[in-house]
Structure formats: structure tokens, C-alpha cells
Amino acid sequence: MLARLYQRPKNAMQSGRAKTGQWLLEIERDEPQHADPLTGWPGSGATQTQVQLRFPTREAALAYAEAQGLIVEIVPLGPVRLKLQAYADNFR
């Protein structure tokens, strides 16, 4: 099975950096979703895609994935772009 490993990004709606050091492991969907005949909602029999595992370090996540026989794709965290400006720039 394929899995994605990435580091949680900073929340854009808050200034704090809580939980940004965690690594998340998500298992990729191996079968397509299909519409339920009664409700029309999309679904599939793959329940492991609903689980998101959190690890304190990248090495711990890779060790778990190796023990479970998962093929891991590591998604790098995007670059942090800071827009530095003074408060006075709002009035120019």
C-alpha cells in the first residue's frame, strides 16, 4: 500500500506554531470511490484512508511504515515566505 508522510504546516488563521513539529502518515486510496445507490454519497470499502497517524519524528514514522510494509512518499514542506512590512505601509 502507498502512504504519504508530511509535516503539518502552520495554520494560516493563527499566529501560533502549535503542532507544527508533528509528522502525519496517511494511507492513499487504492480503489476509486463509488456513489452509494441509496444516498448518492461517495464512498468505498477502504477504511484505512480515514485514519491519520501522528508521529513526533520523521524516523518514528518511517520505522512504523517499514514495519507495516507501506511504501512511503515523503512530501516536503513548502517554503516559508514572509512579507515584511511596516505598519506605516498601510497608509501609503
PDB file of N, CA and C in Angstrom:
ATOM      1  N   MET A   1       0.823  -1.176   0.000  1.00  0.00           N
ATOM      2  CA  MET A   1       0.000   0.000   0.000  1.00  0.00           C
ATOM      3  C   MET A   1       0.875   1.249   0.000  1.00  0.00           C
ATOM      4  N   LEU A   2       0.361   2.266  -0.604  1.00  0.00           N
ATOM      5  CA  LEU A   2       1.064   3.542  -0.659  1.00  0.00           C
ATOM      6  C   LEU A   2       0.632   4.434   0.494  1.00  0.00           C
ATOM      7  N   ALA A   3       1.562   5.217   1.003  1.00  0.00           N
ATOM      8  CA  ALA A   3       1.268   6.143   2.096  1.00  0.00           C
ATOM      9  C   ALA A   3       1.998   7.455   1.838  1.00  0.00           C
ATOM     10  N   ARG A   4       1.443   8.523   2.396  1.00  0.00           N
ATOM     11  CA  ARG A   4       2.038   9.858   2.291  1.00  0.00           C
ATOM     12  C   ARG A   4       2.505  10.274   3.674  1.00  0.00           C
ATOM     13  N   LEU A   5       3.713  10.804   3.749  1.00  0.00           N
ATOM     14  CA  LEU A   5       4.275  11.288   5.005  1.00  0.00           C
ATOM     15  C   LEU A   5       4.628  12.755   4.823  1.00  0.00           C
ATOM     16  N   TYR A   6       4.077  13.596   5.678  1.00  0.00           N
ATOM     17  CA  TYR A   6       4.352  15.023   5.574  1.00  0.00           C
ATOM     18  C   TYR A   6       4.332  15.650   6.955  1.00  0.00           C
ATOM     19  N   GLN A   7       4.941  16.813   7.036  1.00  0.00           N
ATOM     20  CA  GLN A   7       4.972  17.556   8.283  1.00  0.00           C
ATOM     21  C   GLN A   7       3.831  18.560   8.268  1.00  0.00           C
ATOM     22  N   ARG A   8       3.140  18.659   9.382  1.00  0.00           N
ATOM     23  CA  ARG A   8       1.981  19.542   9.454  1.00  0.00           C
ATOM     24  C   ARG A   8       2.414  20.998   9.283  1.00  0.00           C
ATOM     25  N   PRO A   9       1.789  21.732   8.351  1.00  0.00           N
ATOM     26  CA  PRO A   9       2.152  23.136   8.162  1.00  0.00           C
ATOM     27  C   PRO A   9       1.532  24.022   9.241  1.00  0.00           C
ATOM     28  N   LYS A  10       2.026  25.229   9.327  1.00  0.00           N
ATOM     29  CA  LYS A  10       1.485  26.206  10.276  1.00  0.00           C
ATOM     30  C   LYS A  10       0.092  26.617   9.833  1.00  0.00           C
ATOM     31  N   ASN A  11      -0.796  26.766  10.783  1.00  0.00           N
ATOM     32  CA  ASN A  11      -2.149  27.200  10.478  1.00  0.00           C
ATOM     33  C   ASN A  11      -2.125  28.656  10.012  1.00  0.00           C
ATOM     34  N   ALA A  12      -2.719  28.928   8.869  1.00  0.00           N
ATOM     35  CA  ALA A  12      -2.699  30.275   8.312  1.00  0.00           C
ATOM     36  C   ALA A  12      -3.616  31.228   9.064  1.00  0.00           C
ATOM     37  N   MET A  13      -4.546  30.697   9.832  1.00  0.00           N
ATOM     38  CA  MET A  13      -5.509  31.546  10.516  1.00  0.00           C
ATOM     39  C   MET A  13      -5.034  31.989  11.895  1.00  0.00           C
ATOM     40  N   GLN A  14      -3.927  31.431  12.368  1.00  0.00           N
ATOM     41  CA  GLN A  14      -3.426  31.778  13.689  1.00  0.00           C
ATOM     42  C   GLN A  14      -1.933  32.035  13.615  1.00  0.00           C
ATOM     43  N   SER A  15      -1.439  32.812  14.579  1.00  0.00           N
ATOM     44  CA  SER A  15      -0.019  33.146  14.562  1.00  0.00           C
ATOM     45  C   SER A  15       0.830  32.097  15.274  1.00  0.00           C
ATOM     46  N   GLY A  16       0.239  31.240  16.064  1.00  0.00           N
ATOM     47  CA  GLY A  16       0.993  30.245  16.824  1.00  0.00           C
ATOM     48  C   GLY A  16       1.510  29.115  15.959  1.00  0.00           C
ATOM     49  N   ARG A  17       2.446  28.378  16.502  1.00  0.00           N
ATOM     50  CA  ARG A  17       3.048  27.261  15.776  1.00  0.00           C
ATOM     51  C   ARG A  17       2.808  25.933  16.490  1.00  0.00           C
ATOM     52  N   ALA A  18       1.673  25.793  17.148  1.00  0.00           N
ATOM     53  CA  ALA A  18       1.359  24.566  17.857  1.00  0.00           C
ATOM     54  C   ALA A  18       1.175  23.413  16.875  1.00  0.00           C
ATOM     55  N   LYS A  19       1.682  22.255  17.229  1.00  0.00           N
ATOM     56  CA  LYS A  19       1.563  21.009  16.462  1.00  0.00           C
ATOM     57  C   LYS A  19       2.254  21.048  15.108  1.00  0.00           C
ATOM     58  N   THR A  20       3.137  22.006  14.855  1.00  0.00           N
ATOM     59  CA  THR A  20       3.810  22.065  13.561  1.00  0.00           C
ATOM     60  C   THR A  20       4.976  21.093  13.470  1.00  0.00           C
ATOM     61  N   GLY A  21       5.450  20.578  14.574  1.00  0.00           N
ATOM     62  CA  GLY A  21       6.566  19.642  14.533  1.00  0.00           C
ATOM     63  C   GLY A  21       6.140  18.205  14.299  1.00  0.00           C
ATOM     64  N   GLN A  22       4.848  17.943  14.258  1.00  0.00           N
ATOM     65  CA  GLN A  22       4.362  16.578  14.089  1.00  0.00           C
ATOM     66  C   GLN A  22       4.477  16.124  12.638  1.00  0.00           C
ATOM     67  N   TRP A  23       4.666  14.829  12.469  1.00  0.00           N
ATOM     68  CA  TRP A  23       4.675  14.210  11.152  1.00  0.00           C
ATOM     69  C   TRP A  23       3.395  13.393  11.019  1.00  0.00           C
ATOM     70  N   LEU A  24       2.716  13.514   9.884  1.00  0.00           N
ATOM     71  CA  LEU A  24       1.455  12.830   9.648  1.00  0.00           C
ATOM     72  C   LEU A  24       1.641  11.772   8.576  1.00  0.00           C
ATOM     73  N   LEU A  25       1.075  10.597   8.822  1.00  0.00           N
ATOM     74  CA  LEU A  25       1.130   9.499   7.871  1.00  0.00           C
ATOM     75  C   LEU A  25      -0.301   9.176   7.456  1.00  0.00           C
ATOM     76  N   GLU A  26      -0.576   9.296   6.165  1.00  0.00           N
ATOM     77  CA  GLU A  26      -1.894   8.997   5.612  1.00  0.00           C
ATOM     78  C   GLU A  26      -1.743   7.938   4.536  1.00  0.00           C
ATOM     79  N   ILE A  27      -2.603   6.940   4.577  1.00  0.00           N
ATOM     80  CA  ILE A  27      -2.581   5.878   3.570  1.00  0.00           C
ATOM     81  C   ILE A  27      -3.408   6.321   2.378  1.00  0.00           C
ATOM     82  N   GLU A  28      -2.851   6.154   1.188  1.00  0.00           N
ATOM     83  CA  GLU A  28      -3.527   6.563  -0.041  1.00  0.00           C
ATOM     84  C   GLU A  28      -4.646   5.583  -0.388  1.00  0.00           C
ATOM     85  N   ARG A  29      -5.636   6.086  -1.071  1.00  0.00           N
ATOM     86  CA  ARG A  29      -6.767   5.271  -1.509  1.00  0.00           C
ATOM     87  C   ARG A  29      -6.312   4.359  -2.641  1.00  0.00           C
ATOM     88  N   ASP A  30      -6.582   3.061  -2.525  1.00  0.00           N
ATOM     89  CA  ASP A  30      -6.154   2.124  -3.555  1.00  0.00           C
ATOM     90  C   ASP A  30      -7.298   1.711  -4.478  1.00  0.00           C
ATOM     91  N   GLU A  31      -8.510   2.095  -4.157  1.00  0.00           N
ATOM     92  CA  GLU A  31      -9.637   1.815  -5.035  1.00  0.00           C
ATOM     93  C   GLU A  31     -10.455   3.089  -5.194  1.00  0.00           C
ATOM     94  N   PRO A  32     -11.063   3.287  -6.345  1.00  0.00           N
ATOM     95  CA  PRO A  32     -11.824   4.522  -6.540  1.00  0.00           C
ATOM     96  C   PRO A  32     -13.105   4.532  -5.718  1.00  0.00           C
ATOM     97  N   GLN A  33     -13.567   5.732  -5.424  1.00  0.00           N
ATOM     98  CA  GLN A  33     -14.831   5.857  -4.723  1.00  0.00           C
ATOM     99  C   GLN A  33     -15.979   5.625  -5.698  1.00  0.00           C
ATOM    100  N   HIS A  34     -17.077   5.138  -5.172  1.00  0.00           N
ATOM    101  CA  HIS A  34     -18.266   4.938  -5.997  1.00  0.00           C
ATOM    102  C   HIS A  34     -19.466   5.538  -5.264  1.00  0.00           C
ATOM    103  N   ALA A  35     -20.465   5.919  -6.024  1.00  0.00           N
ATOM    104  CA  ALA A  35     -21.654   6.531  -5.435  1.00  0.00           C
ATOM    105  C   ALA A  35     -22.538   5.456  -4.825  1.00  0.00           C
ATOM    106  N   ASP A  36     -23.018   5.715  -3.624  1.00  0.00           N
ATOM    107  CA  ASP A  36     -23.939   4.809  -2.957  1.00  0.00           C
ATOM    108  C   ASP A  36     -25.278   4.861  -3.691  1.00  0.00           C
ATOM    109  N   PRO A  37     -25.868   3.716  -4.012  1.00  0.00           N
ATOM    110  CA  PRO A  37     -27.107   3.749  -4.783  1.00  0.00           C
ATOM    111  C   PRO A  37     -28.285   4.386  -4.037  1.00  0.00           C
ATOM    112  N   LEU A  38     -28.286   4.325  -2.720  1.00  0.00           N
ATOM    113  CA  LEU A  38     -29.405   4.859  -1.959  1.00  0.00           C
ATOM    114  C   LEU A  38     -29.280   6.362  -1.719  1.00  0.00           C
ATOM    115  N   THR A  39     -28.116   6.802  -1.247  1.00  0.00           N
ATOM    116  CA  THR A  39     -27.961   8.208  -0.880  1.00  0.00           C
ATOM    117  C   THR A  39     -27.228   9.031  -1.933  1.00  0.00           C
ATOM    118  N   GLY A  40     -26.408   8.378  -2.758  1.00  0.00           N
ATOM    119  CA  GLY A  40     -25.625   9.105  -3.738  1.00  0.00           C
ATOM    120  C   GLY A  40     -24.313   9.628  -3.189  1.00  0.00           C
ATOM    121  N   TRP A  41     -24.036   9.373  -1.917  1.00  0.00           N
ATOM    122  CA  TRP A  41     -22.794   9.842  -1.314  1.00  0.00           C
ATOM    123  C   TRP A  41     -21.629   8.994  -1.798  1.00  0.00           C
ATOM    124  N   PRO A  42     -20.456   9.626  -2.014  1.00  0.00           N
ATOM    125  CA  PRO A  42     -19.298   8.836  -2.440  1.00  0.00           C
ATOM    126  C   PRO A  42     -18.736   8.035  -1.262  1.00  0.00           C
ATOM    127  N   GLY A  43     -18.279   6.843  -1.566  1.00  0.00           N
ATOM    128  CA  GLY A  43     -17.695   6.002  -0.525  1.00  0.00           C
ATOM    129  C   GLY A  43     -16.946   4.844  -1.137  1.00  0.00           C
ATOM    130  N   SER A  44     -16.241   4.118  -0.285  1.00  0.00           N
ATOM    131  CA  SER A  44     -15.517   2.928  -0.721  1.00  0.00           C
ATOM    132  C   SER A  44     -15.334   2.020   0.487  1.00  0.00           C
ATOM    133  N   GLY A  45     -14.806   0.849   0.246  1.00  0.00           N
ATOM    134  CA  GLY A  45     -14.592  -0.097   1.331  1.00  0.00           C
ATOM    135  C   GLY A  45     -13.261   0.086   2.036  1.00  0.00           C
ATOM    136  N   ALA A  46     -12.451   1.031   1.586  1.00  0.00           N
ATOM    137  CA  ALA A  46     -11.123   1.240   2.170  1.00  0.00           C
ATOM    138  C   ALA A  46     -11.237   2.175   3.374  1.00  0.00           C
ATOM    139  N   THR A  47     -11.333   1.600   4.558  1.00  0.00           N
ATOM    140  CA  THR A  47     -11.480   2.419   5.762  1.00  0.00           C
ATOM    141  C   THR A  47     -10.151   2.939   6.286  1.00  0.00           C
ATOM    142  N   GLN A  48      -9.033   2.369   5.853  1.00  0.00           N
ATOM    143  CA  GLN A  48      -7.738   2.833   6.354  1.00  0.00           C
ATOM    144  C   GLN A  48      -7.397   4.225   5.844  1.00  0.00           C
ATOM    145  N   THR A  49      -8.084   4.716   4.809  1.00  0.00           N
ATOM    146  CA  THR A  49      -7.824   6.073   4.321  1.00  0.00           C
ATOM    147  C   THR A  49      -8.418   7.123   5.248  1.00  0.00           C
ATOM    148  N   GLN A  50      -9.269   6.721   6.179  1.00  0.00           N
ATOM    149  CA  GLN A  50      -9.880   7.656   7.114  1.00  0.00           C
ATOM    150  C   GLN A  50      -8.993   7.910   8.330  1.00  0.00           C
ATOM    151  N   VAL A  51      -7.904   7.170   8.444  1.00  0.00           N
ATOM    152  CA  VAL A  51      -7.027   7.260   9.605  1.00  0.00           C
ATOM    153  C   VAL A  51      -5.822   8.136   9.273  1.00  0.00           C
ATOM    154  N   GLN A  52      -5.482   9.015  10.210  1.00  0.00           N
ATOM    155  CA  GLN A  52      -4.318   9.888  10.068  1.00  0.00           C
ATOM    156  C   GLN A  52      -3.448   9.663  11.309  1.00  0.00           C
ATOM    157  N   LEU A  53      -2.287   9.065  11.119  1.00  0.00           N
ATOM    158  CA  LEU A  53      -1.402   8.756  12.238  1.00  0.00           C
ATOM    159  C   LEU A  53      -0.414   9.888  12.451  1.00  0.00           C
ATOM    160  N   ARG A  54      -0.201  10.252  13.712  1.00  0.00           N
ATOM    161  CA  ARG A  54       0.724  11.338  14.066  1.00  0.00           C
ATOM    162  C   ARG A  54       1.953  10.747  14.753  1.00  0.00           C
ATOM    163  N   PHE A  55       3.120  11.288  14.377  1.00  0.00           N
ATOM    164  CA  PHE A  55       4.381  10.836  14.949  1.00  0.00           C
ATOM    165  C   PHE A  55       5.208  12.051  15.351  1.00  0.00           C
ATOM    166  N   PRO A  56       5.999  11.937  16.431  1.00  0.00           N
ATOM    167  CA  PRO A  56       6.811  13.078  16.857  1.00  0.00           C
ATOM    168  C   PRO A  56       8.001  13.346  15.936  1.00  0.00           C
ATOM    169  N   THR A  57       8.525  12.303  15.291  1.00  0.00           N
ATOM    170  CA  THR A  57       9.687  12.476  14.414  1.00  0.00           C
ATOM    171  C   THR A  57       9.470  11.743  13.100  1.00  0.00           C
ATOM    172  N   ARG A  58      10.252  12.141  12.116  1.00  0.00           N
ATOM    173  CA  ARG A  58      10.186  11.501  10.803  1.00  0.00           C
ATOM    174  C   ARG A  58      10.681  10.056  10.877  1.00  0.00           C
ATOM    175  N   GLU A  59      11.707   9.836  11.674  1.00  0.00           N
ATOM    176  CA  GLU A  59      12.282   8.497  11.790  1.00  0.00           C
ATOM    177  C   GLU A  59      11.278   7.520  12.410  1.00  0.00           C
ATOM    178  N   ALA A  60      10.500   7.987  13.383  1.00  0.00           N
ATOM    179  CA  ALA A  60       9.490   7.123  14.005  1.00  0.00           C
ATOM    180  C   ALA A  60       8.410   6.753  12.999  1.00  0.00           C
ATOM    181  N   ALA A  61       8.017   7.694  12.171  1.00  0.00           N
ATOM    182  CA  ALA A  61       7.001   7.427  11.152  1.00  0.00           C
ATOM    183  C   ALA A  61       7.522   6.451  10.103  1.00  0.00           C
ATOM    184  N   LEU A  62       8.770   6.620   9.682  1.00  0.00           N
ATOM    185  CA  LEU A  62       9.343   5.710   8.697  1.00  0.00           C
ATOM    186  C   LEU A  62       9.531   4.313   9.265  1.00  0.00           C
ATOM    187  N   ALA A  63       9.876   4.220  10.545  1.00  0.00           N
ATOM    188  CA  ALA A  63      10.017   2.908  11.179  1.00  0.00           C
ATOM    189  C   ALA A  63       8.665   2.194  11.244  1.00  0.00           C
ATOM    190  N   TYR A  64       7.617   2.922  11.565  1.00  0.00           N
ATOM    191  CA  TYR A  64       6.285   2.327  11.595  1.00  0.00           C
ATOM    192  C   TYR A  64       5.866   1.863  10.201  1.00  0.00           C
ATOM    193  N   ALA A  65       6.093   2.703   9.202  1.00  0.00           N
ATOM    194  CA  ALA A  65       5.703   2.358   7.834  1.00  0.00           C
ATOM    195  C   ALA A  65       6.465   1.136   7.337  1.00  0.00           C
ATOM    196  N   GLU A  66       7.730   1.042   7.693  1.00  0.00           N
ATOM    197  CA  GLU A  66       8.522  -0.116   7.282  1.00  0.00           C
ATOM    198  C   GLU A  66       8.022  -1.384   7.975  1.00  0.00           C
ATOM    199  N   ALA A  67       7.657  -1.279   9.235  1.00  0.00           N
ATOM    200  CA  ALA A  67       7.141  -2.437   9.965  1.00  0.00           C
ATOM    201  C   ALA A  67       5.799  -2.906   9.402  1.00  0.00           C
ATOM    202  N   GLN A  68       5.007  -1.978   8.874  1.00  0.00           N
ATOM    203  CA  GLN A  68       3.699  -2.317   8.313  1.00  0.00           C
ATOM    204  C   GLN A  68       3.763  -2.673   6.827  1.00  0.00           C
ATOM    205  N   GLY A  69       4.927  -2.509   6.200  1.00  0.00           N
ATOM    206  CA  GLY A  69       5.089  -2.831   4.790  1.00  0.00           C
ATOM    207  C   GLY A  69       4.502  -1.785   3.855  1.00  0.00           C
ATOM    208  N   LEU A  70       4.514  -0.532   4.269  1.00  0.00           N
ATOM    209  CA  LEU A  70       3.973   0.553   3.462  1.00  0.00           C
ATOM    210  C   LEU A  70       5.059   1.169   2.586  1.00  0.00           C
ATOM    211  N   ILE A  71       4.689   1.566   1.397  1.00  0.00           N
ATOM    212  CA  ILE A  71       5.581   2.319   0.521  1.00  0.00           C
ATOM    213  C   ILE A  71       5.286   3.792   0.779  1.00  0.00           C
ATOM    214  N   VAL A  72       6.294   4.532   1.236  1.00  0.00           N
ATOM    215  CA  VAL A  72       6.076   5.889   1.715  1.00  0.00           C
ATOM    216  C   VAL A  72       6.592   6.911   0.711  1.00  0.00           C
ATOM    217  N   GLU A  73       5.757   7.913   0.446  1.00  0.00           N
ATOM    218  CA  GLU A  73       6.159   9.083  -0.329  1.00  0.00           C
ATOM    219  C   GLU A  73       6.257  10.240   0.650  1.00  0.00           C
ATOM    220  N   ILE A  74       7.445  10.832   0.756  1.00  0.00           N
ATOM    221  CA  ILE A  74       7.659  11.941   1.681  1.00  0.00           C
ATOM    222  C   ILE A  74       7.389  13.245   0.935  1.00  0.00           C
ATOM    223  N   VAL A  75       6.413  14.001   1.436  1.00  0.00           N
ATOM    224  CA  VAL A  75       6.030  15.274   0.819  1.00  0.00           C
ATOM    225  C   VAL A  75       6.756  16.383   1.578  1.00  0.00           C
ATOM    226  N   PRO A  76       7.640  17.129   0.909  1.00  0.00           N
ATOM    227  CA  PRO A  76       8.375  18.180   1.617  1.00  0.00           C
ATOM    228  C   PRO A  76       7.461  19.351   1.954  1.00  0.00           C
ATOM    229  N   LEU A  77       7.786  20.011   3.039  1.00  0.00           N
ATOM    230  CA  LEU A  77       7.050  21.204   3.456  1.00  0.00           C
ATOM    231  C   LEU A  77       7.446  22.358   2.557  1.00  0.00           C
ATOM    232  N   GLY A  78       6.477  23.135   2.125  1.00  0.00           N
ATOM    233  CA  GLY A  78       6.740  24.249   1.222  1.00  0.00           C
ATOM    234  C   GLY A  78       7.577  25.322   1.889  1.00  0.00           C
ATOM    235  N   PRO A  79       8.158  26.209   1.080  1.00  0.00           N
ATOM    236  CA  PRO A  79       8.995  27.270   1.650  1.00  0.00           C
ATOM    237  C   PRO A  79       8.137  28.290   2.399  1.00  0.00           C
ATOM    238  N   VAL A  80       8.710  28.863   3.442  1.00  0.00           N
ATOM    239  CA  VAL A  80       8.022  29.880   4.225  1.00  0.00           C
ATOM    240  C   VAL A  80       8.365  31.233   3.638  1.00  0.00           C
ATOM    241  N   ARG A  81       7.340  31.959   3.206  1.00  0.00           N
ATOM    242  CA  ARG A  81       7.549  33.278   2.636  1.00  0.00           C
ATOM    243  C   ARG A  81       7.009  34.315   3.610  1.00  0.00           C
ATOM    244  N   LEU A  82       7.866  35.181   4.078  1.00  0.00           N
ATOM    245  CA  LEU A  82       7.458  36.237   4.987  1.00  0.00           C
ATOM    246  C   LEU A  82       7.347  37.544   4.218  1.00  0.00           C
ATOM    247  N   LYS A  83       6.257  38.234   4.416  1.00  0.00           N
ATOM    248  CA  LYS A  83       6.076  39.542   3.805  1.00  0.00           C
ATOM    249  C   LYS A  83       6.309  40.564   4.898  1.00  0.00           C
ATOM    250  N   LEU A  84       7.522  41.068   4.943  1.00  0.00           N
ATOM    251  CA  LEU A  84       7.892  42.022   5.979  1.00  0.00           C
ATOM    252  C   LEU A  84       7.528  43.426   5.520  1.00  0.00           C
ATOM    253  N   GLN A  85       6.712  44.087   6.318  1.00  0.00           N
ATOM    254  CA  GLN A  85       6.347  45.462   6.021  1.00  0.00           C
ATOM    255  C   GLN A  85       6.044  46.174   7.320  1.00  0.00           C
ATOM    256  N   ALA A  86       6.156  47.456   7.270  1.00  0.00           N
ATOM    257  CA  ALA A  86       5.881  48.279   8.437  1.00  0.00           C
ATOM    258  C   ALA A  86       4.397  48.630   8.481  1.00  0.00           C
ATOM    259  N   TYR A  87       3.905  48.964   9.638  1.00  0.00           N
ATOM    260  CA  TYR A  87       2.517  49.366   9.796  1.00  0.00           C
ATOM    261  C   TYR A  87       2.220  50.630   8.996  1.00  0.00           C
ATOM    262  N   ALA A  88       3.209  51.480   8.850  1.00  0.00           N
ATOM    263  CA  ALA A  88       3.034  52.724   8.101  1.00  0.00           C
ATOM    264  C   ALA A  88       2.792  52.475   6.622  1.00  0.00           C
ATOM    265  N   ASP A  89       3.186  51.286   6.100  1.00  0.00           N
ATOM    266  CA  ASP A  89       2.956  50.972   4.697  1.00  0.00           C
ATOM    267  C   ASP A  89       1.464  50.878   4.366  1.00  0.00           C
ATOM    268  N   ASN A  90       0.612  50.673   5.368  1.00  0.00           N
ATOM    269  CA  ASN A  90      -0.831  50.603   5.127  1.00  0.00           C
ATOM    270  C   ASN A  90      -1.410  51.941   4.738  1.00  0.00           C
ATOM    271  N   PHE A  91      -0.715  53.016   4.975  1.00  0.00           N
ATOM    272  CA  PHE A  91      -1.251  54.354   4.736  1.00  0.00           C
ATOM    273  C   PHE A  91      -0.570  55.063   3.568  1.00  0.00           C
ATOM    274  N   ARG A  92       0.166  54.385   2.757  1.00  0.00           N
ATOM    275  CA  ARG A  92       0.838  54.986   1.594  1.00  0.00           C
ATOM    276  C   ARG A  92      -0.031  54.924   0.376  1.00  0.00           C
TER     277      ARG A  92
END
